[in-house]
Amino acid sequence: EIPGRDLYFSAAERIEQASAEKFPAKEQGNLLLQGIKDPWG
């Protein structure tokens, strides 16, 4: 279990919600994660 895991799980939920058929492309995935930061900013 890594520190700040809730933040990473929140990021994972965004990706999983957009992955009904396949995972998003790299650019799209990074757009989905905009605004989420780890505990160290």
Full PDB file with SEQRES, HELIX, SHEET, SSBOND, CRYST1, ORIGX, SCALE, CONECT and MASTER records, all heavy atoms in Angstrom:
SEQRES   1 A   41  GLU ILE PRO GLY ARG ASP LEU TYR PHE SER ALA ALA GLU          
SEQRES   2 A   41  ARG ILE GLU GLN ALA SER ALA GLU LYS PHE PRO ALA LYS          
SEQRES   3 A   41  GLU GLN GLY ASN LEU LEU LEU GLN GLY ILE LYS ASP PRO          
SEQRES   4 A   41  TRP GLY                                                      
HELIX    1 AA1 ARG A    5  GLN A   17  1                                  13    
HELIX    2 AA2 LYS A   26  LEU A   32  1                                   7    
CRYST1    1.000    1.000    1.000  90.00  90.00  90.00 P 1           1          
ORIGX1      1.000000  0.000000  0.000000        0.00000                         
ORIGX2      0.000000  1.000000  0.000000        0.00000                         
ORIGX3      0.000000  0.000000  1.000000        0.00000                         
SCALE1      1.000000  0.000000  0.000000        0.00000                         
SCALE2      0.000000  1.000000  0.000000        0.00000                         
SCALE3      0.000000  0.000000  1.000000        0.00000                         
ATOM      1  N   GLU A   1       0.871  -1.172   0.000  1.00  0.00           N  
ATOM      2  CA  GLU A   1       0.000   0.000   0.000  1.00  0.00           C  
ATOM      3  C   GLU A   1       0.906   1.219   0.000  1.00  0.00           C  
ATOM      4  O   GLU A   1       1.792   1.347   0.847  1.00  0.00           O  
ATOM      5  CB  GLU A   1      -0.910   0.021   1.228  1.00  0.00           C  
ATOM      6  CG  GLU A   1      -2.023  -1.005   1.176  1.00  0.00           C  
ATOM      7  CD  GLU A   1      -3.007  -0.838   2.324  1.00  0.00           C  
ATOM      8  OE1 GLU A   1      -2.906   0.171   3.055  1.00  0.00           O  
ATOM      9  OE2 GLU A   1      -3.873  -1.720   2.489  1.00  0.00           O  
ATOM     10  N   ILE A   2       0.710   2.096  -0.961  1.00  0.00           N  
ATOM     11  CA  ILE A   2       1.581   3.262  -1.102  1.00  0.00           C  
ATOM     12  C   ILE A   2       0.964   4.458  -0.375  1.00  0.00           C  
ATOM     13  O   ILE A   2      -0.249   4.525  -0.181  1.00  0.00           O  
ATOM     14  CB  ILE A   2       1.811   3.607  -2.583  1.00  0.00           C  
ATOM     15  CG1 ILE A   2       0.483   3.879  -3.300  1.00  0.00           C  
ATOM     16  CG2 ILE A   2       2.587   2.494  -3.277  1.00  0.00           C  
ATOM     17  CD1 ILE A   2       0.644   4.323  -4.738  1.00  0.00           C  
ATOM     18  N   PRO A   3       1.779   5.412   0.059  1.00  0.00           N  
ATOM     19  CA  PRO A   3       1.230   6.618   0.705  1.00  0.00           C  
ATOM     20  C   PRO A   3       0.404   7.435  -0.281  1.00  0.00           C  
ATOM     21  O   PRO A   3       0.714   7.489  -1.473  1.00  0.00           O  
ATOM     22  CB  PRO A   3       2.486   7.368   1.159  1.00  0.00           C  
ATOM     23  CG  PRO A   3       3.595   6.844   0.310  1.00  0.00           C  
ATOM     24  CD  PRO A   3       3.242   5.421   0.012  1.00  0.00           C  
ATOM     25  N   GLY A   4      -0.665   8.041   0.211  1.00  0.00           N  
ATOM     26  CA  GLY A   4      -1.530   8.840  -0.654  1.00  0.00           C  
ATOM     27  C   GLY A   4      -2.329   8.003  -1.626  1.00  0.00           C  
ATOM     28  O   GLY A   4      -2.745   8.512  -2.672  1.00  0.00           O  
ATOM     29  N   ARG A   5      -2.592   6.753  -1.291  1.00  0.00           N  
ATOM     30  CA  ARG A   5      -3.233   5.836  -2.247  1.00  0.00           C  
ATOM     31  C   ARG A   5      -4.622   6.309  -2.668  1.00  0.00           C  
ATOM     32  O   ARG A   5      -5.069   6.023  -3.778  1.00  0.00           O  
ATOM     33  CB  ARG A   5      -3.288   4.423  -1.664  1.00  0.00           C  
ATOM     34  CG  ARG A   5      -4.157   4.255  -0.448  1.00  0.00           C  
ATOM     35  CD  ARG A   5      -3.831   2.957   0.305  1.00  0.00           C  
ATOM     36  NE  ARG A   5      -3.893   1.773  -0.518  1.00  0.00           N  
ATOM     37  CZ  ARG A   5      -4.876   0.854  -0.415  1.00  0.00           C  
ATOM     38  NH1 ARG A   5      -5.869   1.036   0.447  1.00  0.00           N  
ATOM     39  NH2 ARG A   5      -4.844  -0.213  -1.152  1.00  0.00           N  
ATOM     40  N   ASP A   6      -5.342   7.058  -1.796  1.00  0.00           N  
ATOM     41  CA  ASP A   6      -6.679   7.530  -2.164  1.00  0.00           C  
ATOM     42  C   ASP A   6      -6.631   8.445  -3.385  1.00  0.00           C  
ATOM     43  O   ASP A   6      -7.528   8.416  -4.231  1.00  0.00           O  
ATOM     44  CB  ASP A   6      -7.324   8.261  -0.988  1.00  0.00           C  
ATOM     45  CG  ASP A   6      -7.694   7.309   0.151  1.00  0.00           C  
ATOM     46  OD1 ASP A   6      -7.732   6.087  -0.101  1.00  0.00           O  
ATOM     47  OD2 ASP A   6      -7.911   7.789   1.276  1.00  0.00           O  
ATOM     48  N   LEU A   7      -5.569   9.246  -3.488  1.00  0.00           N  
ATOM     49  CA  LEU A   7      -5.436  10.136  -4.637  1.00  0.00           C  
ATOM     50  C   LEU A   7      -5.195   9.335  -5.923  1.00  0.00           C  
ATOM     51  O   LEU A   7      -5.747   9.653  -6.983  1.00  0.00           O  
ATOM     52  CB  LEU A   7      -4.290  11.114  -4.403  1.00  0.00           C  
ATOM     53  CG  LEU A   7      -4.499  12.155  -3.281  1.00  0.00           C  
ATOM     54  CD1 LEU A   7      -3.215  12.922  -3.026  1.00  0.00           C  
ATOM     55  CD2 LEU A   7      -5.624  13.106  -3.665  1.00  0.00           C  
ATOM     56  N   TYR A   8      -4.374   8.288  -5.816  1.00  0.00           N  
ATOM     57  CA  TYR A   8      -4.109   7.451  -6.990  1.00  0.00           C  
ATOM     58  C   TYR A   8      -5.363   6.663  -7.379  1.00  0.00           C  
ATOM     59  O   TYR A   8      -5.637   6.468  -8.573  1.00  0.00           O  
ATOM     60  CB  TYR A   8      -2.941   6.502  -6.711  1.00  0.00           C  
ATOM     61  CG  TYR A   8      -1.629   7.215  -6.520  1.00  0.00           C  
ATOM     62  CD1 TYR A   8      -1.180   7.563  -5.254  1.00  0.00           C  
ATOM     63  CD2 TYR A   8      -0.837   7.562  -7.620  1.00  0.00           C  
ATOM     64  CE1 TYR A   8       0.018   8.228  -5.069  1.00  0.00           C  
ATOM     65  CE2 TYR A   8       0.366   8.228  -7.452  1.00  0.00           C  
ATOM     66  CZ  TYR A   8       0.788   8.571  -6.168  1.00  0.00           C  
ATOM     67  OH  TYR A   8       1.988   9.236  -6.003  1.00  0.00           O  
ATOM     68  N   PHE A   9      -6.128   6.227  -6.384  1.00  0.00           N  
ATOM     69  CA  PHE A   9      -7.369   5.502  -6.669  1.00  0.00           C  
ATOM     70  C   PHE A   9      -8.389   6.436  -7.334  1.00  0.00           C  
ATOM     71  O   PHE A   9      -9.160   6.011  -8.203  1.00  0.00           O  
ATOM     72  CB  PHE A   9      -7.952   4.921  -5.384  1.00  0.00           C  
ATOM     73  CG  PHE A   9      -7.287   3.641  -4.960  1.00  0.00           C  
ATOM     74  CD1 PHE A   9      -6.069   3.251  -5.496  1.00  0.00           C  
ATOM     75  CD2 PHE A   9      -7.875   2.825  -4.013  1.00  0.00           C  
ATOM     76  CE1 PHE A   9      -5.449   2.070  -5.101  1.00  0.00           C  
ATOM     77  CE2 PHE A   9      -7.274   1.635  -3.612  1.00  0.00           C  
ATOM     78  CZ  PHE A   9      -6.054   1.267  -4.163  1.00  0.00           C  
ATOM     79  N   SER A  10      -8.399   7.703  -6.930  1.00  0.00           N  
ATOM     80  CA  SER A  10      -9.289   8.676  -7.559  1.00  0.00           C  
ATOM     81  C   SER A  10      -8.920   8.855  -9.032  1.00  0.00           C  
ATOM     82  O   SER A  10      -9.795   8.920  -9.903  1.00  0.00           O  
ATOM     83  CB  SER A  10      -9.194  10.017  -6.815  1.00  0.00           C  
ATOM     84  OG  SER A  10      -9.952  11.006  -7.467  1.00  0.00           O  
ATOM     85  N   ALA A  11      -7.606   8.908  -9.306  1.00  0.00           N  
ATOM     86  CA  ALA A  11      -7.157   9.000 -10.703  1.00  0.00           C  
ATOM     87  C   ALA A  11      -7.534   7.741 -11.468  1.00  0.00           C  
ATOM     88  O   ALA A  11      -7.958   7.800 -12.632  1.00  0.00           O  
ATOM     89  CB  ALA A  11      -5.647   9.217 -10.734  1.00  0.00           C  
ATOM     90  N   ALA A  12      -7.416   6.578 -10.804  1.00  0.00           N  
ATOM     91  CA  ALA A  12      -7.746   5.319 -11.459  1.00  0.00           C  
ATOM     92  C   ALA A  12      -9.220   5.262 -11.834  1.00  0.00           C  
ATOM     93  O   ALA A  12      -9.596   4.763 -12.910  1.00  0.00           O  
ATOM     94  CB  ALA A  12      -7.386   4.151 -10.543  1.00  0.00           C  
ATOM     95  N   GLU A  13     -10.083   5.786 -10.964  1.00  0.00           N  
ATOM     96  CA  GLU A  13     -11.516   5.765 -11.255  1.00  0.00           C  
ATOM     97  C   GLU A  13     -11.835   6.562 -12.517  1.00  0.00           C  
ATOM     98  O   GLU A  13     -12.685   6.169 -13.319  1.00  0.00           O  
ATOM     99  CB  GLU A  13     -12.287   6.314 -10.060  1.00  0.00           C  
ATOM    100  CG  GLU A  13     -12.315   5.353  -8.870  1.00  0.00           C  
ATOM    101  CD  GLU A  13     -12.919   5.983  -7.628  1.00  0.00           C  
ATOM    102  OE1 GLU A  13     -13.391   7.144  -7.725  1.00  0.00           O  
ATOM    103  OE2 GLU A  13     -12.918   5.330  -6.577  1.00  0.00           O  
ATOM    104  N   ARG A  14     -11.173   7.696 -12.697  1.00  0.00           N  
ATOM    105  CA  ARG A  14     -11.395   8.485 -13.916  1.00  0.00           C  
ATOM    106  C   ARG A  14     -11.028   7.686 -15.170  1.00  0.00           C  
ATOM    107  O   ARG A  14     -11.760   7.704 -16.159  1.00  0.00           O  
ATOM    108  CB  ARG A  14     -10.570   9.770 -13.876  1.00  0.00           C  
ATOM    109  CG  ARG A  14     -11.032  10.797 -12.880  1.00  0.00           C  
ATOM    110  CD  ARG A  14     -10.369  12.134 -13.167  1.00  0.00           C  
ATOM    111  NE  ARG A  14     -10.652  13.107 -12.130  1.00  0.00           N  
ATOM    112  CZ  ARG A  14     -10.235  14.381 -12.171  1.00  0.00           C  
ATOM    113  NH1 ARG A  14      -9.512  14.803 -13.200  1.00  0.00           N  
ATOM    114  NH2 ARG A  14     -10.520  15.216 -11.178  1.00  0.00           N  
ATOM    115  N   ILE A  15      -9.907   7.001 -15.099  1.00  0.00           N  
ATOM    116  CA  ILE A  15      -9.457   6.222 -16.253  1.00  0.00           C  
ATOM    117  C   ILE A  15     -10.399   5.047 -16.499  1.00  0.00           C  
ATOM    118  O   ILE A  15     -10.800   4.771 -17.642  1.00  0.00           O  
ATOM    119  CB  ILE A  15      -8.016   5.722 -16.039  1.00  0.00           C  
ATOM    120  CG1 ILE A  15      -7.038   6.904 -15.925  1.00  0.00           C  
ATOM    121  CG2 ILE A  15      -7.595   4.788 -17.181  1.00  0.00           C  
ATOM    122  CD1 ILE A  15      -6.987   7.813 -17.136  1.00  0.00           C  
ATOM    123  N   GLU A  16     -10.795   4.354 -15.456  1.00  0.00           N  
ATOM    124  CA  GLU A  16     -11.651   3.172 -15.609  1.00  0.00           C  
ATOM    125  C   GLU A  16     -13.021   3.540 -16.155  1.00  0.00           C  
ATOM    126  O   GLU A  16     -13.608   2.797 -16.954  1.00  0.00           O  
ATOM    127  CB  GLU A  16     -11.774   2.459 -14.254  1.00  0.00           C  
ATOM    128  CG  GLU A  16     -10.477   1.788 -13.829  1.00  0.00           C  
ATOM    129  CD  GLU A  16     -10.468   1.357 -12.377  1.00  0.00           C  
ATOM    130  OE1 GLU A  16     -11.483   1.571 -11.674  1.00  0.00           O  
ATOM    131  OE2 GLU A  16      -9.439   0.812 -11.933  1.00  0.00           O  
ATOM    132  N   GLN A  17     -13.543   4.692 -15.747  1.00  0.00           N  
ATOM    133  CA  GLN A  17     -14.835   5.133 -16.267  1.00  0.00           C  
ATOM    134  C   GLN A  17     -14.789   5.433 -17.755  1.00  0.00           C  
ATOM    135  O   GLN A  17     -15.806   5.322 -18.442  1.00  0.00           O  
ATOM    136  CB  GLN A  17     -15.306   6.378 -15.502  1.00  0.00           C  
ATOM    137  CG  GLN A  17     -15.725   6.090 -14.062  1.00  0.00           C  
ATOM    138  CD  GLN A  17     -15.963   7.358 -13.251  1.00  0.00           C  
ATOM    139  OE1 GLN A  17     -15.888   8.470 -13.786  1.00  0.00           O  
ATOM    140  NE2 GLN A  17     -16.226   7.179 -11.960  1.00  0.00           N  
ATOM    141  N   ALA A  18     -13.594   5.788 -18.258  1.00  0.00           N  
ATOM    142  CA  ALA A  18     -13.449   6.098 -19.688  1.00  0.00           C  
ATOM    143  C   ALA A  18     -12.949   4.903 -20.490  1.00  0.00           C  
ATOM    144  O   ALA A  18     -12.574   5.038 -21.655  1.00  0.00           O  
ATOM    145  CB  ALA A  18     -12.475   7.268 -19.861  1.00  0.00           C  
ATOM    146  N   SER A  19     -12.952   3.696 -19.862  1.00  0.00           N  
ATOM    147  CA  SER A  19     -12.344   2.514 -20.491  1.00  0.00           C  
ATOM    148  C   SER A  19     -13.347   1.376 -20.660  1.00  0.00           C  
ATOM    149  O   SER A  19     -13.032   0.216 -20.402  1.00  0.00           O  
ATOM    150  CB  SER A  19     -11.152   2.035 -19.655  1.00  0.00           C  
ATOM    151  OG  SER A  19     -10.226   3.059 -19.422  1.00  0.00           O  
ATOM    152  N   ALA A  20     -14.561   1.716 -21.096  1.00  0.00           N  
ATOM    153  CA  ALA A  20     -15.586   0.682 -21.269  1.00  0.00           C  
ATOM    154  C   ALA A  20     -15.147  -0.364 -22.292  1.00  0.00           C  
ATOM    155  O   ALA A  20     -15.313  -1.569 -22.083  1.00  0.00           O  
ATOM    156  CB  ALA A  20     -16.897   1.318 -21.703  1.00  0.00           C  
ATOM    157  N   GLU A  21     -14.569   0.070 -23.416  1.00  0.00           N  
ATOM    158  CA  GLU A  21     -14.131  -0.859 -24.458  1.00  0.00           C  
ATOM    159  C   GLU A  21     -12.614  -1.039 -24.454  1.00  0.00           C  
ATOM    160  O   GLU A  21     -12.111  -2.147 -24.572  1.00  0.00           O  
ATOM    161  CB  GLU A  21     -14.593  -0.361 -25.828  1.00  0.00           C  
ATOM    162  CG  GLU A  21     -16.121  -0.350 -25.983  1.00  0.00           C  
ATOM    163  CD  GLU A  21     -16.548   0.057 -27.370  1.00  0.00           C  
ATOM    164  OE1 GLU A  21     -15.658   0.277 -28.228  1.00  0.00           O  
ATOM    165  OE2 GLU A  21     -17.766   0.172 -27.602  1.00  0.00           O  
ATOM    166  N   LYS A  22     -11.913   0.056 -24.351  1.00  0.00           N  
ATOM    167  CA  LYS A  22     -10.451  -0.025 -24.293  1.00  0.00           C  
ATOM    168  C   LYS A  22      -9.924   1.170 -23.522  1.00  0.00           C  
ATOM    169  O   LYS A  22     -10.626   2.168 -23.338  1.00  0.00           O  
ATOM    170  CB  LYS A  22      -9.842  -0.083 -25.689  1.00  0.00           C  
ATOM    171  CG  LYS A  22     -10.052   1.178 -26.526  1.00  0.00           C  
ATOM    172  CD  LYS A  22      -9.343   1.049 -27.873  1.00  0.00           C  
ATOM    173  CE  LYS A  22      -9.461   2.350 -28.667  1.00  0.00           C  
ATOM    174  NZ  LYS A  22      -8.743   2.275 -29.957  1.00  0.00           N  
ATOM    175  N   PHE A  23      -8.683   1.074 -23.102  1.00  0.00           N  
ATOM    176  CA  PHE A  23      -8.077   2.170 -22.359  1.00  0.00           C  
ATOM    177  C   PHE A  23      -7.914   3.387 -23.266  1.00  0.00           C  
ATOM    178  O   PHE A  23      -7.696   3.251 -24.480  1.00  0.00           O  
ATOM    179  CB  PHE A  23      -6.714   1.760 -21.816  1.00  0.00           C  
ATOM    180  CG  PHE A  23      -6.780   0.844 -20.623  1.00  0.00           C  
ATOM    181  CD1 PHE A  23      -6.205  -0.416 -20.664  1.00  0.00           C  
ATOM    182  CD2 PHE A  23      -7.407   1.244 -19.448  1.00  0.00           C  
ATOM    183  CE1 PHE A  23      -6.254  -1.269 -19.568  1.00  0.00           C  
ATOM    184  CE2 PHE A  23      -7.458   0.409 -18.341  1.00  0.00           C  
ATOM    185  CZ  PHE A  23      -6.889  -0.853 -18.395  1.00  0.00           C  
ATOM    186  N   PRO A  24      -7.988   4.603 -22.687  1.00  0.00           N  
ATOM    187  CA  PRO A  24      -7.759   5.805 -23.496  1.00  0.00           C  
ATOM    188  C   PRO A  24      -6.330   5.860 -24.041  1.00  0.00           C  
ATOM    189  O   PRO A  24      -5.416   5.253 -23.487  1.00  0.00           O  
ATOM    190  CB  PRO A  24      -7.995   6.950 -22.502  1.00  0.00           C  
ATOM    191  CG  PRO A  24      -8.722   6.353 -21.346  1.00  0.00           C  
ATOM    192  CD  PRO A  24      -8.315   4.913 -21.288  1.00  0.00           C  
ATOM    193  N   ALA A  25      -6.159   6.594 -25.132  1.00  0.00           N  
ATOM    194  CA  ALA A  25      -4.814   6.842 -25.645  1.00  0.00           C  
ATOM    195  C   ALA A  25      -4.044   7.706 -24.650  1.00  0.00           C  
ATOM    196  O   ALA A  25      -4.630   8.287 -23.722  1.00  0.00           O  
ATOM    197  CB  ALA A  25      -4.889   7.527 -26.998  1.00  0.00           C  
ATOM    198  N   LYS A  26      -2.740   7.785 -24.828  1.00  0.00           N  
ATOM    199  CA  LYS A  26      -1.893   8.485 -23.865  1.00  0.00           C  
ATOM    200  C   LYS A  26      -2.330   9.929 -23.667  1.00  0.00           C  
ATOM    201  O   LYS A  26      -2.448  10.412 -22.535  1.00  0.00           O  
ATOM    202  CB  LYS A  26      -0.436   8.424 -24.327  1.00  0.00           C  
ATOM    203  CG  LYS A  26       0.549   9.078 -23.372  1.00  0.00           C  
ATOM    204  CD  LYS A  26       1.981   8.914 -23.854  1.00  0.00           C  
ATOM    205  CE  LYS A  26       2.962   9.566 -22.881  1.00  0.00           C  
ATOM    206  NZ  LYS A  26       4.369   9.394 -23.316  1.00  0.00           N  
ATOM    207  N   GLU A  27      -2.568  10.648 -24.768  1.00  0.00           N  
ATOM    208  CA  GLU A  27      -2.937  12.066 -24.672  1.00  0.00           C  
ATOM    209  C   GLU A  27      -4.266  12.237 -23.952  1.00  0.00           C  
ATOM    210  O   GLU A  27      -4.416  13.094 -23.069  1.00  0.00           O  
ATOM    211  CB  GLU A  27      -3.004  12.692 -26.063  1.00  0.00           C  
ATOM    212  CG  GLU A  27      -1.674  12.732 -26.804  1.00  0.00           C  
ATOM    213  CD  GLU A  27      -1.275  11.383 -27.394  1.00  0.00           C  
ATOM    214  OE1 GLU A  27      -2.117  10.455 -27.411  1.00  0.00           O  
ATOM    215  OE2 GLU A  27      -0.113  11.242 -27.815  1.00  0.00           O  
ATOM    216  N   GLN A  28      -5.255  11.398 -24.301  1.00  0.00           N  
ATOM    217  CA  GLN A  28      -6.562  11.483 -23.670  1.00  0.00           C  
ATOM    218  C   GLN A  28      -6.480  11.146 -22.185  1.00  0.00           C  
ATOM    219  O   GLN A  28      -7.110  11.793 -21.345  1.00  0.00           O  
ATOM    220  CB  GLN A  28      -7.548  10.549 -24.368  1.00  0.00           C  
ATOM    221  CG  GLN A  28      -8.959  10.604 -23.807  1.00  0.00           C  
ATOM    222  CD  GLN A  28      -9.869   9.557 -24.420  1.00  0.00           C  
ATOM    223  OE1 GLN A  28      -9.459   8.811 -25.317  1.00  0.00           O  
ATOM    224  NE2 GLN A  28     -11.112   9.485 -23.945  1.00  0.00           N  
ATOM    225  N   GLY A  29      -5.674  10.135 -21.856  1.00  0.00           N  
ATOM    226  CA  GLY A  29      -5.527   9.742 -20.461  1.00  0.00           C  
ATOM    227  C   GLY A  29      -4.931  10.847 -19.612  1.00  0.00           C  
ATOM    228  O   GLY A  29      -5.373  11.094 -18.478  1.00  0.00           O  
ATOM    229  N   ASN A  30      -3.922  11.531 -20.143  1.00  0.00           N  
ATOM    230  CA  ASN A  30      -3.308  12.618 -19.391  1.00  0.00           C  
ATOM    231  C   ASN A  30      -4.258  13.798 -19.223  1.00  0.00           C  
ATOM    232  O   ASN A  30      -4.218  14.499 -18.200  1.00  0.00           O  
ATOM    233  CB  ASN A  30      -2.013  13.062 -20.077  1.00  0.00           C  
ATOM    234  CG  ASN A  30      -0.848  12.138 -19.759  1.00  0.00           C  
ATOM    235  OD1 ASN A  30      -0.575  11.842 -18.607  1.00  0.00           O  
ATOM    236  ND2 ASN A  30      -0.168  11.643 -20.793  1.00  0.00           N  
ATOM    237  N   LEU A  31      -5.142  14.021 -20.206  1.00  0.00           N  
ATOM    238  CA  LEU A  31      -6.158  15.061 -20.059  1.00  0.00           C  
ATOM    239  C   LEU A  31      -7.128  14.718 -18.933  1.00  0.00           C  
ATOM    240  O   LEU A  31      -7.533  15.586 -18.147  1.00  0.00           O  
ATOM    241  CB  LEU A  31      -6.925  15.235 -21.374  1.00  0.00           C  
ATOM    242  CG  LEU A  31      -6.210  15.992 -22.498  1.00  0.00           C  
ATOM    243  CD1 LEU A  31      -7.030  15.953 -23.779  1.00  0.00           C  
ATOM    244  CD2 LEU A  31      -5.944  17.446 -22.081  1.00  0.00           C  
ATOM    245  N   LEU A  32      -7.496  13.435 -18.835  1.00  0.00           N  
ATOM    246  CA  LEU A  32      -8.415  13.005 -17.780  1.00  0.00           C  
ATOM    247  C   LEU A  32      -7.826  13.197 -16.384  1.00  0.00           C  
ATOM    248  O   LEU A  32      -8.560  13.391 -15.411  1.00  0.00           O  
ATOM    249  CB  LEU A  32      -8.779  11.525 -17.975  1.00  0.00           C  
ATOM    250  CG  LEU A  32      -9.678  11.191 -19.173  1.00  0.00           C  
ATOM    251  CD1 LEU A  32      -9.749   9.676 -19.376  1.00  0.00           C  
ATOM    252  CD2 LEU A  32     -11.080  11.747 -18.937  1.00  0.00           C  
ATOM    253  N   LEU A  33      -6.496  13.142 -16.290  1.00  0.00           N  
ATOM    254  CA  LEU A  33      -5.843  13.248 -14.973  1.00  0.00           C  
ATOM    255  C   LEU A  33      -5.457  14.673 -14.601  1.00  0.00           C  
ATOM    256  O   LEU A  33      -4.861  14.892 -13.537  1.00  0.00           O  
ATOM    257  CB  LEU A  33      -4.590  12.367 -14.946  1.00  0.00           C  
ATOM    258  CG  LEU A  33      -4.805  10.864 -15.118  1.00  0.00           C  
ATOM    259  CD1 LEU A  33      -3.495  10.114 -14.941  1.00  0.00           C  
ATOM    260  CD2 LEU A  33      -5.845  10.342 -14.134  1.00  0.00           C  
ATOM    261  N   GLN A  34      -5.788  15.631 -15.466  1.00  0.00           N  
ATOM    262  CA  GLN A  34      -5.429  17.017 -15.167  1.00  0.00           C  
ATOM    263  C   GLN A  34      -6.062  17.466 -13.847  1.00  0.00           C  
ATOM    264  O   GLN A  34      -7.233  17.194 -13.577  1.00  0.00           O  
ATOM    265  CB  GLN A  34      -5.888  17.944 -16.296  1.00  0.00           C  
ATOM    266  CG  GLN A  34      -4.927  17.976 -17.461  1.00  0.00           C  
ATOM    267  CD  GLN A  34      -5.284  19.052 -18.472  1.00  0.00           C  
ATOM    268  OE1 GLN A  34      -6.387  19.578 -18.461  1.00  0.00           O  
ATOM    269  NE2 GLN A  34      -4.347  19.370 -19.352  1.00  0.00           N  
ATOM    270  N   GLY A  35      -5.274  18.109 -13.022  1.00  0.00           N  
ATOM    271  CA  GLY A  35      -5.769  18.622 -11.751  1.00  0.00           C  
ATOM    272  C   GLY A  35      -5.556  17.689 -10.576  1.00  0.00           C  
ATOM    273  O   GLY A  35      -5.693  18.106  -9.422  1.00  0.00           O  
ATOM    274  N   ILE A  36      -5.241  16.408 -10.846  1.00  0.00           N  
ATOM    275  CA  ILE A  36      -4.982  15.476  -9.743  1.00  0.00           C  
ATOM    276  C   ILE A  36      -3.485  15.455  -9.463  1.00  0.00           C  
ATOM    277  O   ILE A  36      -2.675  15.213 -10.364  1.00  0.00           O  
ATOM    278  CB  ILE A  36      -5.474  14.058 -10.074  1.00  0.00           C  
ATOM    279  CG1 ILE A  36      -6.966  14.058 -10.410  1.00  0.00           C  
ATOM    280  CG2 ILE A  36      -5.208  13.118  -8.905  1.00  0.00           C  
ATOM    281  CD1 ILE A  36      -7.525  12.687 -10.704  1.00  0.00           C  
ATOM    282  N   LYS A  37      -3.133  15.706  -8.225  1.00  0.00           N  
ATOM    283  CA  LYS A  37      -1.716  15.717  -7.836  1.00  0.00           C  
ATOM    284  C   LYS A  37      -1.488  14.757  -6.673  1.00  0.00           C  
ATOM    285  O   LYS A  37      -2.414  14.430  -5.926  1.00  0.00           O  
ATOM    286  CB  LYS A  37      -1.276  17.132  -7.455  1.00  0.00           C  
ATOM    287  CG  LYS A  37      -1.383  18.140  -8.593  1.00  0.00           C  
ATOM    288  CD  LYS A  37      -0.848  19.493  -8.174  1.00  0.00           C  
ATOM    289  CE  LYS A  37      -0.999  20.524  -9.290  1.00  0.00           C  
ATOM    290  NZ  LYS A  37      -0.193  20.184 -10.475  1.00  0.00           N  
ATOM    291  N   ASP A  38      -0.232  14.303  -6.545  1.00  0.00           N  
ATOM    292  CA  ASP A  38       0.090  13.422  -5.428  1.00  0.00           C  
ATOM    293  C   ASP A  38       0.263  14.260  -4.160  1.00  0.00           C  
ATOM    294  O   ASP A  38       0.207  15.508  -4.208  1.00  0.00           O  
ATOM    295  CB  ASP A  38       1.328  12.576  -5.760  1.00  0.00           C  
ATOM    296  CG  ASP A  38       2.619  13.386  -5.826  1.00  0.00           C  
ATOM    297  OD1 ASP A  38       2.624  14.566  -5.421  1.00  0.00           O  
ATOM    298  OD2 ASP A  38       3.640  12.838  -6.288  1.00  0.00           O  
ATOM    299  N   PRO A  39       0.461  13.644  -2.997  1.00  0.00           N  
ATOM    300  CA  PRO A  39       0.565  14.421  -1.742  1.00  0.00           C  
ATOM    301  C   PRO A  39       1.708  15.423  -1.717  1.00  0.00           C  
ATOM    302  O   PRO A  39       1.724  16.307  -0.844  1.00  0.00           O  
ATOM    303  CB  PRO A  39       0.777  13.330  -0.680  1.00  0.00           C  
ATOM    304  CG  PRO A  39       0.160  12.095  -1.250  1.00  0.00           C  
ATOM    305  CD  PRO A  39       0.431  12.184  -2.726  1.00  0.00           C  
ATOM    306  N   TRP A  40       2.648  15.316  -2.640  1.00  0.00           N  
ATOM    307  CA  TRP A  40       3.786  16.235  -2.675  1.00  0.00           C  
ATOM    308  C   TRP A  40       3.638  17.292  -3.768  1.00  0.00           C  
ATOM    309  O   TRP A  40       4.576  18.006  -4.075  1.00  0.00           O  
ATOM    310  CB  TRP A  40       5.083  15.441  -2.855  1.00  0.00           C  
ATOM    311  CG  TRP A  40       5.288  14.466  -1.740  1.00  0.00           C  
ATOM    312  CD1 TRP A  40       5.923  14.693  -0.550  1.00  0.00           C  
ATOM    313  CD2 TRP A  40       4.798  13.124  -1.684  1.00  0.00           C  
ATOM    314  NE1 TRP A  40       5.867  13.583   0.244  1.00  0.00           N  
ATOM    315  CE2 TRP A  40       5.181  12.589  -0.421  1.00  0.00           C  
ATOM    316  CE3 TRP A  40       4.069  12.321  -2.565  1.00  0.00           C  
ATOM    317  CZ2 TRP A  40       4.858  11.299  -0.032  1.00  0.00           C  
ATOM    318  CZ3 TRP A  40       3.753  11.033  -2.172  1.00  0.00           C  
ATOM    319  CH2 TRP A  40       4.135  10.524  -0.924  1.00  0.00           C  
ATOM    320  N   GLY A  41       2.443  17.361  -4.361  1.00  0.00           N  
ATOM    321  CA  GLY A  41       2.155  18.389  -5.354  1.00  0.00           C  
ATOM    322  C   GLY A  41       2.586  18.055  -6.764  1.00  0.00           C  
ATOM    323  O   GLY A  41       2.584  18.931  -7.636  1.00  0.00           O  
TER     324      GLY A  41                                                      
MASTER        0    0    0    2    0    0    0    6  323    1    0    4          
END                                                                             
